[in-house]
Protein backbone atom coordinates (compact mmCIF):
# COMPACT_ATOMS: atom_id res chain seq x y z
CA MET A 1 0.02 0.01 -0.08
CA ARG A 2 1.37 3.31 -1.09
CA MET A 3 1.81 5.85 1.90
CA PRO A 4 0.02 9.18 1.57
CA TYR A 5 2.49 12.09 0.40
CA PHE A 6 2.93 14.89 2.70
CA LYS A 7 4.70 18.19 1.69
CA ASN A 8 7.70 19.10 3.70
CA PRO A 9 7.30 22.80 4.67
CA PHE A 10 11.04 23.26 4.61
CA ARG A 11 11.35 21.94 0.77
CA LYS A 12 12.48 24.40 -1.59
CA GLU A 13 8.96 24.20 -3.49
CA ASN A 14 7.29 25.94 -0.54
CA TYR A 15 9.88 28.68 -0.49
CA ALA A 16 7.67 31.02 -2.90
CA SER A 17 4.71 29.94 -0.90
CA GLN A 18 6.16 31.51 2.18
CA TRP A 19 6.93 34.68 0.60
CA ILE A 20 3.54 35.11 -0.94
CA GLY A 21 2.19 34.34 2.48
CA PHE A 22 4.46 37.30 3.89
CA TYR A 23 3.30 39.55 0.97
CA TRP A 24 -0.33 39.11 1.94
CA LEU A 25 0.38 39.57 5.65
CA PHE A 26 2.37 42.97 4.53
CA ALA A 27 -0.59 44.19 2.56
CA VAL A 28 -3.09 43.40 5.48
CA ASN A 29 -0.71 45.05 8.10
CA MET A 30 -0.66 48.14 5.81
CA VAL A 31 -4.46 48.17 5.73
CA ILE A 32 -4.80 47.93 9.43
CA PHE A 33 -2.26 50.67 10.04
CA THR A 34 -3.99 52.88 7.31
CA ILE A 35 -7.34 52.53 9.21
CA ILE A 36 -6.11 53.22 12.53
CA ALA A 37 -4.39 56.41 11.18
CA LEU A 38 -7.59 57.47 9.60
CA LEU A 39 -9.77 56.86 12.86
CA VAL A 40 -7.34 59.03 14.97
CA GLU A 41 -8.15 61.92 12.69
CA PRO A 42 -9.16 64.38 15.52
CA ILE A 43 -5.73 64.30 16.76
CA TRP A 44 -3.65 64.55 13.40
CA ASN A 45 -2.36 68.01 14.41
CA ASP A 46 -0.87 66.74 17.67
CA ILE A 47 0.73 63.76 15.76
CA ASN A 48 2.16 66.11 13.09
CA GLN A 49 3.54 68.18 15.88
CA PHE A 50 5.09 65.29 17.62
CA LEU A 51 6.70 64.17 14.35
CA GLY A 52 7.79 67.60 13.34
CA SER A 53 9.50 68.03 16.76
CA ALA A 54 11.14 64.60 16.30
CA MET A 55 12.43 65.28 12.85
CA LYS A 56 13.01 69.12 13.17
CA LEU A 57 10.85 69.59 10.16
CA ASN A 58 7.29 70.99 10.19
CA TRP A 59 5.74 68.91 7.44
CA ASN A 60 2.41 67.37 7.08
CA TRP A 61 3.81 64.03 8.10
CA LEU A 62 0.67 62.06 8.52
CA ALA A 63 -0.51 63.02 4.93
CA ILE A 64 2.93 61.64 3.84
CA ILE A 65 2.77 58.60 5.69
CA LEU A 66 -0.89 57.86 4.59
CA VAL A 67 0.18 58.22 0.93
CA ILE A 68 3.06 55.91 1.31
CA SER A 69 0.70 53.42 3.31
CA ILE A 70 -1.64 53.33 0.34
CA PHE A 71 1.10 52.82 -2.08
CA LEU A 72 2.45 49.99 0.09
CA ILE A 73 -1.02 48.25 0.27
CA LEU A 74 -0.95 48.26 -3.57
CA TYR A 75 2.61 47.21 -3.60
CA GLY A 76 1.89 44.22 -1.24
CA GLY A 77 -1.26 43.19 -3.10
CA PHE A 78 0.63 43.39 -6.36
CA LEU A 79 3.58 41.10 -5.27
CA SER A 80 1.17 38.51 -3.60
CA VAL A 81 -0.89 38.38 -6.95
CA TRP A 82 2.02 38.51 -9.35
CA ASN A 83 4.25 35.86 -7.39
CA LEU A 84 1.02 33.56 -6.96
CA LYS A 85 0.55 33.66 -10.69
CA LYS A 86 4.23 33.08 -11.47
CA LYS A 87 4.19 30.00 -9.02
CA ARG A 88 1.08 28.52 -10.93
CA THR A 89 2.85 28.79 -14.33
CA HIS A 90 6.19 27.76 -13.06
CA GLU A 91 5.27 24.58 -11.19
CA ASP A 92 8.48 22.53 -12.20
CA ASP A 93 10.73 25.70 -11.63
CA PHE A 94 11.80 25.70 -8.07
CA PRO A 95 12.69 27.69 -6.18
CA LEU A 96 10.88 30.58 -7.64
CA PRO A 97 13.05 33.41 -8.24
CA ILE A 98 12.11 36.48 -6.07
CA ASN A 99 14.12 39.74 -6.62
CA ILE A 100 16.16 40.58 -3.50
CA TYR A 101 14.69 44.16 -3.56
CA HIS A 102 11.20 42.63 -3.21
CA LYS A 103 12.40 40.97 -0.06
CA ILE A 104 14.19 43.73 1.60
CA ILE A 105 11.74 46.61 0.83
CA PRO A 106 8.45 45.09 2.39
CA LEU A 107 10.56 43.67 5.29
CA VAL A 108 11.94 47.19 6.12
CA PHE A 109 8.53 48.94 5.82
CA PHE A 110 6.69 46.04 7.77
CA LEU A 111 9.20 46.68 10.65
CA LEU A 112 9.19 50.53 10.50
CA TRP A 113 5.49 50.84 10.13
CA ASN A 114 4.73 48.50 13.07
CA PHE A 115 7.30 50.58 15.17
CA MET A 116 5.48 53.71 14.37
CA LEU A 117 2.27 52.02 15.36
CA TYR A 118 3.86 51.04 18.59
CA ILE A 119 4.94 54.60 19.04
CA LEU A 120 1.22 55.93 18.42
CA ILE A 121 -0.12 53.70 20.93
CA ASP A 122 2.57 54.37 23.58
CA GLU A 123 2.56 58.22 23.09
CA GLY A 124 -1.00 58.47 22.23
CA GLY A 125 -2.31 57.17 25.57
CA GLU A 126 -5.77 58.48 26.75
CA GLU A 127 -5.97 60.47 23.37
CA LEU A 128 -6.53 57.46 21.44
CA ARG A 129 -10.06 57.26 23.01
CA VAL A 130 -10.97 59.54 19.97
CA MET A 131 -11.16 56.29 17.98
CA ARG A 132 -14.28 54.96 19.83
CA PRO A 133 -16.70 57.49 18.63
CA VAL A 134 -15.51 57.23 15.04
CA LEU A 135 -15.80 53.49 15.25
CA GLU A 136 -19.25 53.71 16.72
CA ASN A 137 -20.35 56.04 13.88
CA ILE A 138 -19.15 53.62 11.16
CA SER A 139 -19.98 50.30 13.10
CA PRO A 140 -22.83 49.57 10.47
CA ILE A 141 -20.47 49.73 7.65
CA ILE A 142 -18.06 47.50 9.74
CA PHE A 143 -20.81 44.88 10.46
CA GLY A 144 -21.94 44.86 6.94
CA LEU A 145 -18.40 44.42 5.67
CA ILE A 146 -17.99 41.44 8.12
CA MET A 147 -21.10 39.63 7.03
CA VAL A 148 -20.16 40.12 3.36
CA SER A 149 -16.78 38.76 3.92
CA ILE A 150 -17.94 35.81 5.83
CA GLY A 151 -20.63 34.94 2.83
CA ALA A 152 -17.95 35.43 0.20
CA LEU A 153 -15.72 32.85 2.04
CA MET A 154 -18.47 30.35 2.35
CA ALA A 155 -18.26 29.02 -1.36
CA PRO A 156 -14.63 28.45 -1.40
CA THR A 157 -14.49 27.12 1.87
CA LEU A 158 -17.06 24.48 1.18
CA ARG A 159 -15.09 23.54 -1.90
CA LEU A 160 -11.91 23.24 0.14
CA ILE A 161 -13.83 21.01 2.67
CA LYS A 162 -15.17 18.79 -0.12
CA ARG A 163 -11.72 18.27 -1.78
CA LEU A 164 -10.09 17.53 1.45
CA SER A 165 -12.84 15.12 2.67
CA PHE A 166 -12.40 13.12 -0.56
CA SER A 167 -8.66 12.89 -0.19
CA GLY A 168 -9.07 10.16 2.38
CA THR A 169 -6.01 10.94 4.53
CA ILE A 170 -6.15 11.42 8.30
CA LEU A 171 -4.40 14.64 8.12
CA ASN A 172 -6.93 15.97 5.50
CA ARG A 173 -9.85 14.78 7.55
CA ASP A 174 -8.39 16.74 10.45
CA LYS A 175 -8.23 19.74 8.30
CA SER A 176 -11.61 19.57 7.40
CA ALA A 177 -12.97 19.18 10.83
CA GLY A 178 -10.84 22.17 11.95
CA ILE A 179 -12.21 24.32 9.02
CA ILE A 180 -15.84 23.40 9.67
CA ILE A 181 -15.36 24.32 13.34
CA PHE A 182 -13.79 27.63 12.49
CA LEU A 183 -16.52 28.35 9.92
CA ILE A 184 -19.25 27.75 12.30
CA LEU A 185 -17.66 29.76 15.07
CA THR A 186 -16.97 32.66 12.54
CA ASN A 187 -20.65 32.78 11.56
CA ILE A 188 -21.97 32.67 15.11
CA PHE A 189 -19.50 35.51 15.84
CA GLY A 190 -20.71 37.34 12.80
CA MET A 191 -24.41 36.89 13.68
CA LEU A 192 -23.78 37.88 17.50
CA LEU A 193 -21.56 40.96 16.99
CA PRO A 194 -24.41 43.52 16.28
CA ILE A 195 -26.18 42.21 19.47
CA LEU A 196 -23.10 42.34 21.70
CA ALA A 197 -21.97 45.66 20.27
CA PRO A 198 -24.96 47.32 18.57
CA PRO A 199 -24.41 50.14 16.39
CA VAL A 200 -25.07 53.67 18.01
CA ASN A 201 -27.85 54.29 15.54
CA ALA A 202 -29.70 51.09 16.37
CA ILE A 203 -30.26 51.85 20.16
CA SER A 204 -33.77 52.58 21.06
CA GLY A 205 -35.03 54.76 23.98
CA ASP A 206 -34.11 58.17 25.03
CA LEU A 207 -30.64 59.53 24.26
CA PRO A 208 -28.28 59.57 27.46
CA PRO A 209 -27.55 62.99 28.88
CA LYS A 210 -25.12 65.15 26.91
CA PRO A 211 -21.48 64.52 27.96
CA LEU A 212 -19.62 67.22 29.89
CA ILE A 213 -16.87 69.16 27.74
CA MET A 214 -13.48 69.65 29.02
CA ALA A 215 -11.91 72.03 26.50
CA HIS A 216 -8.32 70.74 25.50
CA ARG A 217 -5.87 73.68 25.92
CA GLY A 218 -9.05 75.75 25.89
CA ALA A 219 -11.04 76.15 22.67
CA ALA A 220 -7.82 75.37 20.66
CA TYR A 221 -9.75 74.83 17.55
CA LEU A 222 -11.04 78.24 17.57
CA ALA A 223 -8.34 80.36 19.35
CA PRO A 224 -4.79 79.98 20.17
CA GLU A 225 -4.24 77.29 22.51
CA ASN A 226 -3.16 77.90 26.34
CA THR A 227 -4.47 81.49 26.14
CA LEU A 228 -6.91 83.31 27.96
CA ALA A 229 -8.93 83.85 24.73
CA ALA A 230 -9.08 80.10 24.36
CA GLY A 231 -10.33 79.78 27.89
CA GLU A 232 -12.96 82.42 27.59
CA LEU A 233 -14.13 80.94 24.35
CA ALA A 234 -14.43 77.52 25.92
CA ALA A 235 -16.62 78.91 28.54
CA GLU A 236 -18.84 80.59 25.94
CA TRP A 237 -19.27 77.53 24.20
CA GLY A 238 -20.50 75.66 27.12
CA ALA A 239 -17.39 73.76 28.37
CA VAL A 240 -17.39 72.86 32.19
CA GLY A 241 -13.60 73.32 32.13
CA TRP A 242 -10.42 73.48 30.36
CA GLU A 243 -7.33 71.63 30.37
CA VAL A 244 -3.94 73.56 30.27
CA ASP A 245 -0.33 72.74 30.34
CA ILE A 246 1.77 74.35 33.13
CA SER A 247 5.44 75.15 32.71
CA ILE A 248 7.71 77.47 35.03
CA SER A 249 9.72 80.25 33.82
CA TYR A 250 13.53 80.76 34.86
CA ASP A 251 12.50 83.22 37.52
CA GLY A 252 10.08 80.84 39.12
CA ILE A 253 6.52 81.95 37.67
CA LEU A 254 4.23 79.42 36.66
CA PHE A 255 2.60 80.05 33.04
CA LEU A 256 0.85 78.09 30.20
CA CYS A 257 2.87 76.45 27.43
CA HIS A 258 2.63 72.79 25.85
CA ASP A 259 5.88 72.57 23.94
CA ASP A 260 9.34 72.32 25.09
CA THR A 261 10.24 75.26 22.79
CA LEU A 262 8.52 78.42 21.80
CA LYS A 263 9.00 78.34 18.15
CA ARG A 264 5.57 76.73 17.20
CA THR A 265 3.21 78.93 19.11
CA THR A 266 5.02 82.44 19.31
CA ASN A 267 7.22 84.71 17.34
CA VAL A 268 10.38 83.84 19.30
CA GLU A 269 12.17 83.70 15.89
CA GLU A 270 11.65 87.39 15.53
CA ILE A 271 12.36 88.35 19.25
CA PHE A 272 15.00 86.22 20.30
CA PRO A 273 16.34 84.75 16.89
CA ASP A 274 19.43 83.12 18.72
CA ARG A 275 17.05 81.08 21.23
CA LEU A 276 14.71 79.48 18.82
CA ASP A 277 15.52 76.00 19.98
CA GLU A 278 16.05 76.88 23.73
CA ASP A 279 13.76 75.14 26.21
CA VAL A 280 10.75 77.32 27.30
CA THR A 281 11.58 77.11 31.03
CA MET A 282 14.96 78.91 30.38
CA PHE A 283 13.05 82.31 29.61
CA THR A 284 12.01 84.80 32.31
CA MET A 285 8.40 85.87 32.56
CA ALA A 286 9.49 89.23 31.39
CA GLU A 287 10.93 87.60 28.25
CA LEU A 288 7.86 85.40 27.65
CA ARG A 289 5.62 88.51 27.92
CA GLN A 290 7.49 90.14 24.90
CA LEU A 291 6.25 87.37 22.78
CA ASP A 292 3.09 86.97 20.62
CA ALA A 293 1.33 83.79 21.19
CA GLY A 294 -1.65 84.46 18.90
CA SER A 295 -0.46 85.32 15.36
CA TRP A 296 0.77 81.92 14.64
CA PHE A 297 -2.91 80.81 15.03
CA VAL A 298 -3.96 83.44 12.45
CA ASP A 299 -1.16 82.85 9.97
CA GLU A 300 -1.15 78.89 10.00
CA ASP A 301 -4.77 78.21 10.49
CA PRO A 302 -3.72 74.80 11.92
CA TYR A 303 -7.28 73.29 12.02
CA ASN A 304 -8.66 75.01 8.94
CA THR A 305 -11.32 76.72 11.24
CA ILE A 306 -10.62 80.13 9.80
CA LYS A 307 -10.55 78.77 6.15
CA ASP A 308 -13.97 76.89 6.89
CA GLY A 309 -15.52 79.89 8.43
CA TYR A 310 -15.88 78.75 11.83
CA VAL A 311 -13.64 81.51 13.01
CA SER A 312 -14.27 84.98 11.10
CA GLN A 313 -11.31 86.74 9.82
CA ASP A 314 -12.24 89.88 12.10
CA GLU A 315 -12.24 87.33 15.21
CA ALA A 316 -9.05 85.83 14.14
CA GLU A 317 -7.30 89.15 13.83
CA GLU A 318 -8.18 90.02 17.50
CA TYR A 319 -5.91 87.02 18.50
CA ARG A 320 -2.82 88.82 17.21
CA GLY A 321 -0.82 90.12 20.08
CA GLU A 322 -2.08 87.32 22.57
CA LYS A 323 0.27 87.02 25.71
CA ILE A 324 1.31 83.92 27.27
CA PRO A 325 -0.72 83.74 30.64
CA LYS A 326 0.44 83.29 33.92
CA LEU A 327 -1.20 80.39 36.08
CA GLU A 328 -2.54 83.40 38.31
CA GLU A 329 -4.50 84.81 35.43
CA VAL A 330 -5.65 81.34 34.47
CA ILE A 331 -7.03 80.77 38.04
CA ASN A 332 -8.92 84.13 38.09
CA LEU A 333 -10.49 83.36 34.59
CA THR A 334 -11.40 79.79 35.91
CA ARG A 335 -13.08 81.27 38.89
CA ASP A 336 -14.78 84.07 37.05
CA TYR A 337 -16.28 81.48 34.83
CA ASP A 338 -17.08 78.86 37.38
CA LEU A 339 -15.11 76.20 35.40
CA TYR A 340 -13.06 73.13 36.37
CA LEU A 341 -9.13 73.31 35.78
CA ASP A 342 -7.38 70.23 34.51
CA ILE A 343 -3.76 70.66 35.04
CA ASP A 344 -1.08 68.79 32.89
CA ALA A 345 2.09 69.36 34.68
CA SER A 346 5.73 68.46 33.73
CA LEU A 347 8.98 69.19 35.27
CA PRO A 348 11.20 71.94 33.77
CA SER A 349 14.51 71.39 32.20
CA GLU A 350 17.41 70.60 34.43
CA GLY A 351 18.88 74.17 33.76
CA ASN A 352 15.99 75.76 35.47
CA PRO A 353 16.86 76.72 39.20
CA PHE A 354 13.19 75.99 40.30
CA ARG A 355 13.04 72.52 39.09
CA SER A 356 13.33 70.89 42.45
CA PHE A 357 10.76 73.19 43.87
CA TYR A 358 8.25 73.09 40.73
CA TRP A 359 5.70 70.81 42.58
CA ASP A 360 5.73 72.72 45.72
CA LEU A 361 5.33 75.96 43.82
CA LEU A 362 2.31 74.49 41.72
CA ILE A 363 0.46 72.77 44.60
CA GLU A 364 0.95 75.81 46.81
CA GLN A 365 -0.77 78.14 44.21
CA LEU A 366 -3.38 75.71 43.34
CA TYR A 367 -4.17 75.22 47.10
CA GLU A 368 -4.35 79.01 47.65
CA SER A 369 -6.67 79.60 44.62
CA GLY A 370 -9.71 78.38 46.58
CA LEU A 371 -10.95 76.24 43.50
CA GLY A 372 -10.83 73.16 45.75
CA LYS A 373 -12.33 70.10 43.91
CA LYS A 374 -12.57 71.81 40.79
CA ILE A 375 -8.76 71.26 40.23
CA MET A 376 -7.51 68.14 38.52
CA VAL A 377 -3.75 67.39 38.11
CA ASN A 378 -2.17 65.23 35.76
CA SER A 379 1.44 64.44 35.19
CA ASP A 380 3.75 62.01 33.37
CA ASP A 381 6.58 62.65 35.84
CA PRO A 382 7.33 60.20 38.46
């Protein structure tokens, strides 16, 4: 009796199949990366700021990455189909020759793009929660695609089961059973998914209460971030509080600034051209007060809110000359509008003489403000 023939996965004829499998994995990985990048659209500007600071170039990095990702999806799909076709037409020609560049390029981008995804998840933190409402809004489309995909896989899967069942070997019978079980579980999952996680537009009953709004760096889409104008506008638009970033000046005065340097949100290049890359905490408060913290918002229109008409040109022009506010001024505004104050605190640079006293000065000023439980403090510092 002739023994059934089993392919050795390490034989040369499986060499091409392994690379074809990797190309499919590469293309799917690029699709997943692109979807995640699109889902975090609300924080694209923050991502561009992070990459711009790291690369020392203020480009639209995310747009560049998305264009490259779309090309890589097409590239991976092309390599998969092309090599699969070559494999089928060269059955007796093993190993199937694959250009060395088509091995190195996908592997490099596979590692690089997954590293960027890790950085996004690690650095994004709580801000990645913006993905949830986006996913909820498109959940009916997702459910539909899942069900269509399951249906499309039914016919080829049944043909595969039939072919394996007629082969008569124990190995193939085990494969058939495994595929059948997987198919059943996949269908059950597909049917239960809309019940376990119903789309937002399928929920019946009264709408839940409107969520309370904390304005990130003030109304940062409508006014220069971390300024009194942004705080006032947040209150006028119905926010219950605002989040601000607290730094400390070289002479020990607490003030608002998010970045490590002043070049993105001020005209430091004009006033202090030799200190463009100097840490923000190495400036005295008198020096900081010389800077214009509003014109950059008008000139760059970072969120296209001026272009789209959410901020009129007259309103935008009023932001020119906006000053970097002290924490004392922020507390007064917060008290006047009866807001909550969410503090994002971080230690100054090592050259700042008040580094070791930063937390003492901050807590003391917040305690004396009288805002009490309306203050929240967050920090990444140990």
